[in-house]
PDB file of all heavy atoms in Angstrom:
ATOM      1  N   GLN A   1      -2.271  -6.308   0.479  1.00  0.00           N
ATOM      2  CA  GLN A   1      -3.537  -5.519   0.455  1.00  0.00           C
ATOM      3  C   GLN A   1      -3.362  -4.494  -0.580  1.00  0.00           C
ATOM      4  O   GLN A   1      -2.844  -3.369  -0.334  1.00  0.00           O
ATOM      5  CB  GLN A   1      -3.728  -4.851   1.886  1.00  0.00           C
ATOM      6  CG  GLN A   1      -3.836  -5.846   3.015  1.00  0.00           C
ATOM      7  CD  GLN A   1      -5.152  -6.607   2.917  1.00  0.00           C
ATOM      8  OE1 GLN A   1      -6.222  -6.117   2.445  1.00  0.00           O
ATOM      9  NE2 GLN A   1      -5.079  -7.957   3.248  1.00  0.00           N
ATOM     10  N   LEU A   2      -3.802  -4.835  -1.759  1.00  0.00           N
ATOM     11  CA  LEU A   2      -3.623  -3.944  -2.942  1.00  0.00           C
ATOM     12  C   LEU A   2      -4.464  -2.718  -2.977  1.00  0.00           C
ATOM     13  O   LEU A   2      -3.991  -1.643  -3.293  1.00  0.00           O
ATOM     14  CB  LEU A   2      -3.832  -4.782  -4.228  1.00  0.00           C
ATOM     15  CG  LEU A   2      -3.369  -4.161  -5.501  1.00  0.00           C
ATOM     16  CD1 LEU A   2      -1.821  -3.939  -5.455  1.00  0.00           C
ATOM     17  CD2 LEU A   2      -3.670  -5.101  -6.663  1.00  0.00           C
ATOM     18  N   ARG A   3      -5.763  -2.820  -2.518  1.00  0.00           N
ATOM     19  CA  ARG A   3      -6.627  -1.641  -2.534  1.00  0.00           C
ATOM     20  C   ARG A   3      -6.079  -0.522  -1.755  1.00  0.00           C
ATOM     21  O   ARG A   3      -6.003   0.652  -2.235  1.00  0.00           O
ATOM     22  CB  ARG A   3      -8.068  -2.106  -2.146  1.00  0.00           C
ATOM     23  CG  ARG A   3      -9.011  -0.939  -2.311  1.00  0.00           C
ATOM     24  CD  ARG A   3     -10.451  -1.446  -2.004  1.00  0.00           C
ATOM     25  NE  ARG A   3     -11.417  -0.417  -2.273  1.00  0.00           N
ATOM     26  CZ  ARG A   3     -11.876   0.345  -1.312  1.00  0.00           C
ATOM     27  NH1 ARG A   3     -11.493   0.241  -0.059  1.00  0.00           N
ATOM     28  NH2 ARG A   3     -12.727   1.331  -1.557  1.00  0.00           N
ATOM     29  N   PRO A   4      -5.783  -0.694  -0.412  1.00  0.00           N
ATOM     30  CA  PRO A   4      -5.287   0.442   0.349  1.00  0.00           C
ATOM     31  C   PRO A   4      -3.947   0.994  -0.239  1.00  0.00           C
ATOM     32  O   PRO A   4      -3.784   2.190  -0.209  1.00  0.00           O
ATOM     33  CB  PRO A   4      -4.994  -0.154   1.701  1.00  0.00           C
ATOM     34  CG  PRO A   4      -5.865  -1.329   1.825  1.00  0.00           C
ATOM     35  CD  PRO A   4      -5.973  -1.914   0.393  1.00  0.00           C
ATOM     36  N   ALA A   5      -3.118   0.151  -0.770  1.00  0.00           N
ATOM     37  CA  ALA A   5      -1.794   0.592  -1.328  1.00  0.00           C
ATOM     38  C   ALA A   5      -2.125   1.467  -2.572  1.00  0.00           C
ATOM     39  O   ALA A   5      -1.506   2.555  -2.675  1.00  0.00           O
ATOM     40  CB  ALA A   5      -0.933  -0.556  -1.697  1.00  0.00           C
ATOM     41  N   LEU A   6      -3.084   1.068  -3.354  1.00  0.00           N
ATOM     42  CA  LEU A   6      -3.395   1.892  -4.585  1.00  0.00           C
ATOM     43  C   LEU A   6      -4.090   3.130  -4.233  1.00  0.00           C
ATOM     44  O   LEU A   6      -3.842   4.207  -4.898  1.00  0.00           O
ATOM     45  CB  LEU A   6      -4.275   1.050  -5.529  1.00  0.00           C
ATOM     46  CG  LEU A   6      -3.569  -0.088  -6.265  1.00  0.00           C
ATOM     47  CD1 LEU A   6      -4.616  -0.948  -7.078  1.00  0.00           C
ATOM     48  CD2 LEU A   6      -2.421   0.360  -7.056  1.00  0.00           C
ATOM     49  N   LEU A   7      -4.867   3.161  -3.162  1.00  0.00           N
ATOM     50  CA  LEU A   7      -5.483   4.404  -2.689  1.00  0.00           C
ATOM     51  C   LEU A   7      -4.442   5.390  -2.189  1.00  0.00           C
ATOM     52  O   LEU A   7      -4.584   6.598  -2.429  1.00  0.00           O
ATOM     53  CB  LEU A   7      -6.568   4.127  -1.582  1.00  0.00           C
ATOM     54  CG  LEU A   7      -7.861   3.509  -2.030  1.00  0.00           C
ATOM     55  CD1 LEU A   7      -8.641   3.037  -0.804  1.00  0.00           C
ATOM     56  CD2 LEU A   7      -8.644   4.430  -2.910  1.00  0.00           C
ATOM     57  N   VAL A   8      -3.396   4.904  -1.438  1.00  0.00           N
ATOM     58  CA  VAL A   8      -2.391   5.753  -0.943  1.00  0.00           C
ATOM     59  C   VAL A   8      -1.577   6.333  -2.163  1.00  0.00           C
ATOM     60  O   VAL A   8      -1.344   7.568  -2.189  1.00  0.00           O
ATOM     61  CB  VAL A   8      -1.429   5.060   0.031  1.00  0.00           C
ATOM     62  CG1 VAL A   8      -0.174   5.836   0.284  1.00  0.00           C
ATOM     63  CG2 VAL A   8      -2.145   4.743   1.305  1.00  0.00           C
ATOM     64  N   VAL A   9      -1.296   5.498  -3.129  1.00  0.00           N
ATOM     65  CA  VAL A   9      -0.499   5.970  -4.300  1.00  0.00           C
ATOM     66  C   VAL A   9      -1.438   7.007  -5.031  1.00  0.00           C
ATOM     67  O   VAL A   9      -0.861   8.046  -5.511  1.00  0.00           O
ATOM     68  CB  VAL A   9      -0.154   4.844  -5.291  1.00  0.00           C
ATOM     69  CG1 VAL A   9       0.311   5.304  -6.588  1.00  0.00           C
ATOM     70  CG2 VAL A   9       0.928   3.905  -4.575  1.00  0.00           C
ATOM     71  N   GLY A  10      -2.649   6.759  -5.180  1.00  0.00           N
ATOM     72  CA  GLY A  10      -3.602   7.705  -5.798  1.00  0.00           C
ATOM     73  C   GLY A  10      -3.627   9.066  -5.102  1.00  0.00           C
ATOM     74  O   GLY A  10      -3.689  10.110  -5.759  1.00  0.00           O
ATOM     75  N   ALA A  11      -3.681   9.006  -3.744  1.00  0.00           N
ATOM     76  CA  ALA A  11      -3.724  10.227  -2.929  1.00  0.00           C
ATOM     77  C   ALA A  11      -2.390  11.077  -3.093  1.00  0.00           C
ATOM     78  O   ALA A  11      -2.472  12.274  -3.248  1.00  0.00           O
ATOM     79  CB  ALA A  11      -3.998   9.937  -1.504  1.00  0.00           C
ATOM     80  N   VAL A  12      -1.303  10.346  -3.160  1.00  0.00           N
ATOM     81  CA  VAL A  12       0.046  11.002  -3.357  1.00  0.00           C
ATOM     82  C   VAL A  12       0.069  11.695  -4.718  1.00  0.00           C
ATOM     83  O   VAL A  12       0.526  12.777  -4.900  1.00  0.00           O
ATOM     84  CB  VAL A  12       1.158  10.101  -3.061  1.00  0.00           C
ATOM     85  CG1 VAL A  12       2.487  10.687  -3.423  1.00  0.00           C
ATOM     86  CG2 VAL A  12       1.186   9.682  -1.621  1.00  0.00           C
ATOM     87  N   LEU A  13      -0.385  10.903  -5.791  1.00  0.00           N
ATOM     88  CA  LEU A  13      -0.359  11.407  -7.117  1.00  0.00           C
ATOM     89  C   LEU A  13      -1.280  12.604  -7.270  1.00  0.00           C
ATOM     90  O   LEU A  13      -0.994  13.603  -7.943  1.00  0.00           O
ATOM     91  CB  LEU A  13      -0.763  10.304  -8.128  1.00  0.00           C
ATOM     92  CG  LEU A  13       0.272   9.225  -8.399  1.00  0.00           C
ATOM     93  CD1 LEU A  13      -0.323   8.184  -9.232  1.00  0.00           C
ATOM     94  CD2 LEU A  13       1.570   9.826  -8.911  1.00  0.00           C
ATOM     95  N   ALA A  14      -2.489  12.522  -6.625  1.00  0.00           N
ATOM     96  CA  ALA A  14      -3.434  13.652  -6.667  1.00  0.00           C
ATOM     97  C   ALA A  14      -2.802  14.863  -6.028  1.00  0.00           C
ATOM     98  O   ALA A  14      -2.981  15.993  -6.496  1.00  0.00           O
ATOM     99  CB  ALA A  14      -4.713  13.280  -5.971  1.00  0.00           C
ATOM    100  N   HIS A  15      -2.061  14.718  -4.881  1.00  0.00           N
ATOM    101  CA  HIS A  15      -1.358  15.803  -4.271  1.00  0.00           C
ATOM    102  C   HIS A  15      -0.383  16.421  -5.226  1.00  0.00           C
ATOM    103  O   HIS A  15      -0.371  17.736  -5.350  1.00  0.00           O
ATOM    104  CB  HIS A  15      -0.639  15.307  -2.996  1.00  0.00           C
ATOM    105  CG  HIS A  15       0.075  16.434  -2.258  1.00  0.00           C
ATOM    106  ND1 HIS A  15       1.396  16.720  -2.579  1.00  0.00           N
ATOM    107  CD2 HIS A  15      -0.323  17.269  -1.328  1.00  0.00           C
ATOM    108  CE1 HIS A  15       1.727  17.740  -1.742  1.00  0.00           C
ATOM    109  NE2 HIS A  15       0.718  18.057  -1.032  1.00  0.00           N
ATOM    110  N   GLY A  16       0.376  15.652  -5.978  1.00  0.00           N
ATOM    111  CA  GLY A  16       1.360  16.233  -6.892  1.00  0.00           C
ATOM    112  C   GLY A  16       0.655  16.894  -8.059  1.00  0.00           C
ATOM    113  O   GLY A  16       1.171  17.954  -8.447  1.00  0.00           O
ATOM    114  N   LEU A  17      -0.456  16.413  -8.520  1.00  0.00           N
ATOM    115  CA  LEU A  17      -1.123  17.062  -9.626  1.00  0.00           C
ATOM    116  C   LEU A  17      -1.884  18.331  -9.204  1.00  0.00           C
ATOM    117  O   LEU A  17      -2.014  19.238  -9.992  1.00  0.00           O
ATOM    118  CB  LEU A  17      -2.148  16.042 -10.286  1.00  0.00           C
ATOM    119  CG  LEU A  17      -1.485  14.862 -10.951  1.00  0.00           C
ATOM    120  CD1 LEU A  17      -2.606  13.843 -11.392  1.00  0.00           C
ATOM    121  CD2 LEU A  17      -0.671  15.260 -12.178  1.00  0.00           C
ATOM    122  N   LEU A  18      -2.399  18.360  -7.987  1.00  0.00           N
ATOM    123  CA  LEU A  18      -3.142  19.464  -7.529  1.00  0.00           C
ATOM    124  C   LEU A  18      -2.358  20.618  -6.930  1.00  0.00           C
ATOM    125  O   LEU A  18      -2.776  21.723  -6.808  1.00  0.00           O
ATOM    126  CB  LEU A  18      -4.195  18.969  -6.489  1.00  0.00           C
ATOM    127  CG  LEU A  18      -5.331  18.149  -6.911  1.00  0.00           C
ATOM    128  CD1 LEU A  18      -6.159  17.634  -5.764  1.00  0.00           C
ATOM    129  CD2 LEU A  18      -6.260  19.050  -7.837  1.00  0.00           C
ATOM    130  N   LEU A  19      -1.106  20.343  -6.627  1.00  0.00           N
ATOM    131  CA  LEU A  19      -0.257  21.338  -5.918  1.00  0.00           C
ATOM    132  C   LEU A  19      -0.187  22.664  -6.636  1.00  0.00           C
ATOM    133  O   LEU A  19      -0.513  23.664  -6.080  1.00  0.00           O
ATOM    134  CB  LEU A  19       1.140  20.750  -5.691  1.00  0.00           C
ATOM    135  CG  LEU A  19       2.023  21.462  -4.706  1.00  0.00           C
ATOM    136  CD1 LEU A  19       1.347  21.555  -3.305  1.00  0.00           C
ATOM    137  CD2 LEU A  19       3.346  20.754  -4.449  1.00  0.00           C
ATOM    138  N   ASP A  20       0.187  22.714  -7.857  1.00  0.00           N
ATOM    139  CA  ASP A  20       0.232  23.941  -8.645  1.00  0.00           C
ATOM    140  C   ASP A  20      -1.092  24.435  -9.080  1.00  0.00           C
ATOM    141  O   ASP A  20      -1.353  25.642  -9.130  1.00  0.00           O
ATOM    142  CB  ASP A  20       1.190  23.759  -9.878  1.00  0.00           C
ATOM    143  CG  ASP A  20       2.673  23.723  -9.464  1.00  0.00           C
ATOM    144  OD1 ASP A  20       2.999  24.270  -8.336  1.00  0.00           O
ATOM    145  OD2 ASP A  20       3.445  23.100 -10.242  1.00  0.00           O
ATOM    146  N   LEU A  21      -1.973  23.488  -9.389  1.00  0.00           N
ATOM    147  CA  LEU A  21      -3.323  23.901  -9.957  1.00  0.00           C
ATOM    148  C   LEU A  21      -4.274  24.483  -8.836  1.00  0.00           C
ATOM    149  O   LEU A  21      -4.816  25.542  -9.032  1.00  0.00           O
ATOM    150  CB  LEU A  21      -3.968  22.610 -10.570  1.00  0.00           C
ATOM    151  CG  LEU A  21      -5.260  22.772 -11.189  1.00  0.00           C
ATOM    152  CD1 LEU A  21      -5.181  23.646 -12.411  1.00  0.00           C
ATOM    153  CD2 LEU A  21      -5.857  21.418 -11.546  1.00  0.00           C
ATOM    154  N   ALA A  22      -4.291  23.756  -7.696  1.00  0.00           N
ATOM    155  CA  ALA A  22      -5.230  24.167  -6.636  1.00  0.00           C
ATOM    156  C   ALA A  22      -4.581  24.808  -5.433  1.00  0.00           C
ATOM    157  O   ALA A  22      -5.293  25.273  -4.541  1.00  0.00           O
ATOM    158  CB  ALA A  22      -6.141  23.010  -6.238  1.00  0.00           C
ATOM    159  N   GLY A  23      -3.327  24.694  -5.310  1.00  0.00           N
ATOM    160  CA  GLY A  23      -2.639  25.172  -4.154  1.00  0.00           C
ATOM    161  C   GLY A  23      -2.330  24.123  -3.140  1.00  0.00           C
ATOM    162  O   GLY A  23      -2.893  23.056  -3.160  1.00  0.00           O
ATOM    163  N   TYR A  24      -1.445  24.474  -2.152  1.00  0.00           N
ATOM    164  CA  TYR A  24      -1.028  23.469  -1.162  1.00  0.00           C
ATOM    165  C   TYR A  24      -2.199  22.982  -0.254  1.00  0.00           C
ATOM    166  O   TYR A  24      -2.336  21.874   0.053  1.00  0.00           O
ATOM    167  CB  TYR A  24       0.089  24.009  -0.286  1.00  0.00           C
ATOM    168  CG  TYR A  24       0.465  22.995   0.797  1.00  0.00           C
ATOM    169  CD1 TYR A  24       1.292  21.940   0.513  1.00  0.00           C
ATOM    170  CD2 TYR A  24      -0.082  23.128   2.059  1.00  0.00           C
ATOM    171  CE1 TYR A  24       1.554  20.988   1.470  1.00  0.00           C
ATOM    172  CE2 TYR A  24       0.174  22.203   3.017  1.00  0.00           C
ATOM    173  CZ  TYR A  24       0.989  21.101   2.736  1.00  0.00           C
ATOM    174  OH  TYR A  24       1.277  20.185   3.654  1.00  0.00           O
ATOM    175  N   LEU A  25      -2.994  23.975   0.167  1.00  0.00           N
ATOM    176  CA  LEU A  25      -4.007  23.652   1.183  1.00  0.00           C
ATOM    177  C   LEU A  25      -4.988  22.647   0.569  1.00  0.00           C
ATOM    178  O   LEU A  25      -5.357  21.614   1.232  1.00  0.00           O
ATOM    179  CB  LEU A  25      -4.793  24.913   1.530  1.00  0.00           C
ATOM    180  CG  LEU A  25      -5.616  24.842   2.814  1.00  0.00           C
ATOM    181  CD1 LEU A  25      -4.789  24.410   3.999  1.00  0.00           C
ATOM    182  CD2 LEU A  25      -6.271  26.143   3.106  1.00  0.00           C
ATOM    183  N   VAL A  26      -5.461  22.819  -0.689  1.00  0.00           N
ATOM    184  CA  VAL A  26      -6.425  21.858  -1.283  1.00  0.00           C
ATOM    185  C   VAL A  26      -5.658  20.561  -1.578  1.00  0.00           C
ATOM    186  O   VAL A  26      -6.210  19.476  -1.287  1.00  0.00           O
ATOM    187  CB  VAL A  26      -6.936  22.470  -2.557  1.00  0.00           C
ATOM    188  CG1 VAL A  26      -7.822  21.399  -3.307  1.00  0.00           C
ATOM    189  CG2 VAL A  26      -7.848  23.660  -2.223  1.00  0.00           C
ATOM    190  N   ALA A  27      -4.439  20.580  -2.080  1.00  0.00           N
ATOM    191  CA  ALA A  27      -3.672  19.358  -2.433  1.00  0.00           C
ATOM    192  C   ALA A  27      -3.408  18.507  -1.198  1.00  0.00           C
ATOM    193  O   ALA A  27      -3.575  17.288  -1.186  1.00  0.00           O
ATOM    194  CB  ALA A  27      -2.460  19.725  -3.145  1.00  0.00           C
ATOM    195  N   ALA A  28      -3.023  19.215  -0.128  1.00  0.00           N
ATOM    196  CA  ALA A  28      -2.634  18.459   1.066  1.00  0.00           C
ATOM    197  C   ALA A  28      -3.932  17.899   1.746  1.00  0.00           C
ATOM    198  O   ALA A  28      -3.953  16.783   2.267  1.00  0.00           O
ATOM    199  CB  ALA A  28      -1.961  19.374   2.101  1.00  0.00           C
ATOM    200  N   PHE A  29      -5.009  18.608   1.701  1.00  0.00           N
ATOM    201  CA  PHE A  29      -6.297  18.165   2.211  1.00  0.00           C
ATOM    202  C   PHE A  29      -6.719  16.849   1.498  1.00  0.00           C
ATOM    203  O   PHE A  29      -7.080  15.855   2.133  1.00  0.00           O
ATOM    204  CB  PHE A  29      -7.430  19.271   2.066  1.00  0.00           C
ATOM    205  CG  PHE A  29      -8.771  18.714   2.236  1.00  0.00           C
ATOM    206  CD1 PHE A  29      -9.239  18.315   3.508  1.00  0.00           C
ATOM    207  CD2 PHE A  29      -9.646  18.625   1.229  1.00  0.00           C
ATOM    208  CE1 PHE A  29     -10.570  17.858   3.711  1.00  0.00           C
ATOM    209  CE2 PHE A  29     -10.977  18.117   1.399  1.00  0.00           C
ATOM    210  CZ  PHE A  29     -11.377  17.744   2.607  1.00  0.00           C
ATOM    211  N   VAL A  30      -6.639  16.905   0.149  1.00  0.00           N
ATOM    212  CA  VAL A  30      -7.024  15.705  -0.613  1.00  0.00           C
ATOM    213  C   VAL A  30      -6.083  14.456  -0.293  1.00  0.00           C
ATOM    214  O   VAL A  30      -6.538  13.349  -0.081  1.00  0.00           O
ATOM    215  CB  VAL A  30      -7.000  16.010  -2.099  1.00  0.00           C
ATOM    216  CG1 VAL A  30      -7.087  14.748  -2.937  1.00  0.00           C
ATOM    217  CG2 VAL A  30      -8.169  16.953  -2.422  1.00  0.00           C
ATOM    218  N   ALA A  31      -4.789  14.760  -0.167  1.00  0.00           N
ATOM    219  CA  ALA A  31      -3.851  13.721   0.157  1.00  0.00           C
ATOM    220  C   ALA A  31      -4.050  13.151   1.548  1.00  0.00           C
ATOM    221  O   ALA A  31      -4.109  11.959   1.692  1.00  0.00           O
ATOM    222  CB  ALA A  31      -2.419  14.266   0.050  1.00  0.00           C
ATOM    223  N   PHE A  32      -4.240  14.028   2.518  1.00  0.00           N
ATOM    224  CA  PHE A  32      -4.425  13.569   3.940  1.00  0.00           C
ATOM    225  C   PHE A  32      -5.689  12.708   4.036  1.00  0.00           C
ATOM    226  O   PHE A  32      -5.786  11.698   4.669  1.00  0.00           O
ATOM    227  CB  PHE A  32      -4.396  14.693   4.908  1.00  0.00           C
ATOM    228  CG  PHE A  32      -3.087  15.357   5.053  1.00  0.00           C
ATOM    229  CD1 PHE A  32      -3.012  16.703   5.341  1.00  0.00           C
ATOM    230  CD2 PHE A  32      -1.908  14.672   4.923  1.00  0.00           C
ATOM    231  CE1 PHE A  32      -1.764  17.358   5.514  1.00  0.00           C
ATOM    232  CE2 PHE A  32      -0.689  15.284   5.084  1.00  0.00           C
ATOM    233  CZ  PHE A  32      -0.576  16.645   5.377  1.00  0.00           C
ATOM    234  N   TRP A  33      -6.749  13.284   3.458  1.00  0.00           N
ATOM    235  CA  TRP A  33      -8.074  12.534   3.459  1.00  0.00           C
ATOM    236  C   TRP A  33      -7.972  11.207   2.796  1.00  0.00           C
ATOM    237  O   TRP A  33      -8.438  10.177   3.297  1.00  0.00           O
ATOM    238  CB  TRP A  33      -9.139  13.436   2.896  1.00  0.00           C
ATOM    239  CG  TRP A  33     -10.515  12.965   3.154  1.00  0.00           C
ATOM    240  CD1 TRP A  33     -10.921  11.896   3.938  1.00  0.00           C
ATOM    241  CD2 TRP A  33     -11.725  13.492   2.634  1.00  0.00           C
ATOM    242  NE1 TRP A  33     -12.303  11.771   3.905  1.00  0.00           N
ATOM    243  CE2 TRP A  33     -12.789  12.739   3.172  1.00  0.00           C
ATOM    244  CE3 TRP A  33     -12.009  14.591   1.798  1.00  0.00           C
ATOM    245  CZ2 TRP A  33     -14.148  13.102   2.831  1.00  0.00           C
ATOM    246  CZ3 TRP A  33     -13.328  14.885   1.536  1.00  0.00           C
ATOM    247  CH2 TRP A  33     -14.403  14.101   2.042  1.00  0.00           C
ATOM    248  N   GLY A  34      -7.364  11.220   1.596  1.00  0.00           N
ATOM    249  CA  GLY A  34      -7.223  10.002   0.826  1.00  0.00           C
ATOM    250  C   GLY A  34      -6.361   8.889   1.600  1.00  0.00           C
ATOM    251  O   GLY A  34      -6.709   7.698   1.612  1.00  0.00           O
ATOM    252  N   ILE A  35      -5.313   9.292   2.183  1.00  0.00           N
ATOM    253  CA  ILE A  35      -4.485   8.414   2.880  1.00  0.00           C
ATOM    254  C   ILE A  35      -5.160   7.902   4.152  1.00  0.00           C
ATOM    255  O   ILE A  35      -5.154   6.724   4.497  1.00  0.00           O
ATOM    256  CB  ILE A  35      -3.116   8.955   3.205  1.00  0.00           C
ATOM    257  CG1 ILE A  35      -2.281   9.185   1.909  1.00  0.00           C
ATOM    258  CG2 ILE A  35      -2.308   8.153   4.222  1.00  0.00           C
ATOM    259  CD1 ILE A  35      -1.053  10.002   2.044  1.00  0.00           C
ATOM    260  N   ALA A  36      -5.857   8.810   4.905  1.00  0.00           N
ATOM    261  CA  ALA A  36      -6.561   8.378   6.047  1.00  0.00           C
ATOM    262  C   ALA A  36      -7.696   7.385   5.669  1.00  0.00           C
ATOM    263  O   ALA A  36      -7.900   6.400   6.379  1.00  0.00           O
ATOM    264  CB  ALA A  36      -7.205   9.657   6.754  1.00  0.00           C
ATOM    265  N   TYR A  37      -8.393   7.661   4.624  1.00  0.00           N
ATOM    266  CA  TYR A  37      -9.406   6.735   4.097  1.00  0.00           C
ATOM    267  C   TYR A  37      -8.826   5.344   3.781  1.00  0.00           C
ATOM    268  O   TYR A  37      -9.362   4.335   4.147  1.00  0.00           O
ATOM    269  CB  TYR A  37     -10.108   7.304   2.907  1.00  0.00           C
ATOM    270  CG  TYR A  37     -11.300   6.484   2.411  1.00  0.00           C
ATOM    271  CD1 TYR A  37     -12.545   6.623   2.962  1.00  0.00           C
ATOM    272  CD2 TYR A  37     -11.048   5.543   1.410  1.00  0.00           C
ATOM    273  CE1 TYR A  37     -13.579   5.812   2.510  1.00  0.00           C
ATOM    274  CE2 TYR A  37     -12.076   4.740   0.925  1.00  0.00           C
ATOM    275  CZ  TYR A  37     -13.388   4.874   1.546  1.00  0.00           C
ATOM    276  OH  TYR A  37     -14.417   4.096   1.059  1.00  0.00           O
ATOM    277  N   ALA A  38      -7.708   5.343   3.104  1.00  0.00           N
ATOM    278  CA  ALA A  38      -7.005   4.090   2.738  1.00  0.00           C
ATOM    279  C   ALA A  38      -6.600   3.333   3.962  1.00  0.00           C
ATOM    280  O   ALA A  38      -6.655   2.043   3.942  1.00  0.00           O
ATOM    281  CB  ALA A  38      -5.843   4.396   1.899  1.00  0.00           C
ATOM    282  N   LEU A  39      -6.275   4.012   5.046  1.00  0.00           N
ATOM    283  CA  LEU A  39      -5.791   3.298   6.270  1.00  0.00           C
ATOM    284  C   LEU A  39      -6.957   2.962   7.195  1.00  0.00           C
ATOM    285  O   LEU A  39      -6.698   2.523   8.303  1.00  0.00           O
ATOM    286  CB  LEU A  39      -4.718   4.205   6.912  1.00  0.00           C
ATOM    287  CG  LEU A  39      -3.468   4.435   6.115  1.00  0.00           C
ATOM    288  CD1 LEU A  39      -2.528   5.253   6.887  1.00  0.00           C
ATOM    289  CD2 LEU A  39      -2.846   3.008   5.731  1.00  0.00           C
ATOM    290  N   GLY A  40      -8.192   3.275   6.829  1.00  0.00           N
ATOM    291  CA  GLY A  40      -9.349   2.874   7.573  1.00  0.00           C
ATOM    292  C   GLY A  40     -10.116   3.939   8.330  1.00  0.00           C
ATOM    293  O   GLY A  40     -11.105   3.576   8.936  1.00  0.00           O
TER     294      GLY A  40
END
């Protein structure tokens, strides 16, 4: 299942990129939402 796997990878990468720029709260929100979306 390539699409969900790529969505999870994208959410984790977004978390890493947003952490210093937007702060933990925003970065974690984007990561949790992206991973939850990828998992259905």
